[in-house]
Amino acid sequence: MSTPSHFSPEELQRWQFGLTQANDNNVLCHCRVCDREWVDSSWEVTCTCGSRNVETIACWQFPDD
């Protein structure tokens, strides 16, 4: 059984599109090897130290200060 949505199909589509746009060019990357941090537009990144052990987080999850 599915949970009822609070959005119409059009509203849901607009909301999902907004999240997709927020992710474009806004991925916080943190290298677990050398501790370097940077913002990128890709979820599959390699650090300048050569490590692929990189944590990626969508920047829209952080509040603006």
C-alpha atoms as a PDB file:
ATOM      1  CA  MET A   1       0.000   0.000   0.000  1.00  0.00           C
ATOM      2  CA  SER A   2       1.460   3.398  -0.941  1.00  0.00           C
ATOM      3  CA  THR A   3       1.594   6.474   1.278  1.00  0.00           C
ATOM      4  CA  PRO A   4      -0.528   9.395   0.039  1.00  0.00           C
ATOM      5  CA  SER A   5       1.472  12.336  -1.308  1.00  0.00           C
ATOM      6  CA  HIS A   6       1.049  15.916  -0.149  1.00  0.00           C
ATOM      7  CA  PHE A   7       2.071  17.041  -3.643  1.00  0.00           C
ATOM      8  CA  SER A   8       0.254  16.870  -6.929  1.00  0.00           C
ATOM      9  CA  PRO A   9       2.234  15.004  -9.612  1.00  0.00           C
ATOM     10  CA  GLU A  10       3.253  18.366 -11.150  1.00  0.00           C
ATOM     11  CA  GLU A  11       4.356  19.788  -7.773  1.00  0.00           C
ATOM     12  CA  LEU A  12       6.364  16.649  -7.028  1.00  0.00           C
ATOM     13  CA  GLN A  13       8.054  16.854 -10.428  1.00  0.00           C
ATOM     14  CA  ARG A  14       8.990  20.534  -9.835  1.00  0.00           C
ATOM     15  CA  TRP A  15      10.314  19.726  -6.343  1.00  0.00           C
ATOM     16  CA  GLN A  16      12.450  16.840  -7.656  1.00  0.00           C
ATOM     17  CA  PHE A  17      13.751  19.043 -10.492  1.00  0.00           C
ATOM     18  CA  GLY A  18      14.725  21.698  -7.920  1.00  0.00           C
ATOM     19  CA  LEU A  19      16.720  19.133  -5.935  1.00  0.00           C
ATOM     20  CA  THR A  20      18.475  17.997  -9.101  1.00  0.00           C
ATOM     21  CA  GLN A  21      19.431  21.591  -9.923  1.00  0.00           C
ATOM     22  CA  ALA A  22      20.647  22.166  -6.356  1.00  0.00           C
ATOM     23  CA  ASN A  23      23.013  19.209  -6.707  1.00  0.00           C
ATOM     24  CA  ASP A  24      24.544  20.498  -9.968  1.00  0.00           C
ATOM     25  CA  ASN A  25      27.953  22.037  -9.197  1.00  0.00           C
ATOM     26  CA  ASN A  26      27.282  21.781  -5.460  1.00  0.00           C
ATOM     27  CA  VAL A  27      28.825  18.573  -4.141  1.00  0.00           C
ATOM     28  CA  LEU A  28      31.002  18.933  -1.046  1.00  0.00           C
ATOM     29  CA  CYS A  29      33.933  16.531  -1.281  1.00  0.00           C
ATOM     30  CA  HIS A  30      36.122  15.437   1.644  1.00  0.00           C
ATOM     31  CA  CYS A  31      39.143  13.219   1.139  1.00  0.00           C
ATOM     32  CA  ARG A  32      39.399  10.679   3.939  1.00  0.00           C
ATOM     33  CA  VAL A  33      43.132  10.207   3.260  1.00  0.00           C
ATOM     34  CA  CYS A  34      44.580  13.751   3.208  1.00  0.00           C
ATOM     35  CA  ASP A  35      41.589  15.634   4.715  1.00  0.00           C
ATOM     36  CA  ARG A  36      41.287  18.005   1.725  1.00  0.00           C
ATOM     37  CA  GLU A  37      37.837  19.566   1.105  1.00  0.00           C
ATOM     38  CA  TRP A  38      36.450  21.101  -2.089  1.00  0.00           C
ATOM     39  CA  VAL A  39      33.210  21.651  -3.994  1.00  0.00           C
ATOM     40  CA  ASP A  40      32.698  19.753  -7.250  1.00  0.00           C
ATOM     41  CA  SER A  41      29.940  18.996  -9.728  1.00  0.00           C
ATOM     42  CA  SER A  42      30.476  15.248  -9.744  1.00  0.00           C
ATOM     43  CA  TRP A  43      29.722  12.491  -7.260  1.00  0.00           C
ATOM     44  CA  GLU A  44      32.545  10.316  -8.650  1.00  0.00           C
ATOM     45  CA  VAL A  45      35.741  12.211  -7.815  1.00  0.00           C
ATOM     46  CA  THR A  46      39.422  11.587  -7.202  1.00  0.00           C
ATOM     47  CA  CYS A  47      41.403  13.794  -4.813  1.00  0.00           C
ATOM     48  CA  THR A  48      44.570  15.558  -5.942  1.00  0.00           C
ATOM     49  CA  CYS A  49      46.457  13.155  -3.629  1.00  0.00           C
ATOM     50  CA  GLY A  50      45.210  10.308  -5.873  1.00  0.00           C
ATOM     51  CA  SER A  51      42.739   8.820  -3.390  1.00  0.00           C
ATOM     52  CA  ARG A  52      39.265   7.753  -4.468  1.00  0.00           C
ATOM     53  CA  ASN A  53      38.282   7.411  -0.798  1.00  0.00           C
ATOM     54  CA  VAL A  54      36.256  10.624  -0.949  1.00  0.00           C
ATOM     55  CA  GLU A  55      33.085  11.414   0.976  1.00  0.00           C
ATOM     56  CA  THR A  56      30.544  13.383  -1.084  1.00  0.00           C
ATOM     57  CA  ILE A  57      27.620  15.360   0.360  1.00  0.00           C
ATOM     58  CA  ALA A  58      25.093  17.553  -1.455  1.00  0.00           C
ATOM     59  CA  CYS A  59      25.793  21.159  -0.392  1.00  0.00           C
ATOM     60  CA  TRP A  60      22.089  22.058  -0.219  1.00  0.00           C
ATOM     61  CA  GLN A  61      21.969  20.023   2.984  1.00  0.00           C
ATOM     62  CA  PHE A  62      23.961  22.722   4.784  1.00  0.00           C
ATOM     63  CA  PRO A  63      22.327  25.954   5.995  1.00  0.00           C
ATOM     64  CA  ASP A  64      23.571  29.285   4.666  1.00  0.00           C
ATOM     65  CA  ASP A  65      25.327  31.411   7.256  1.00  0.00           C
END
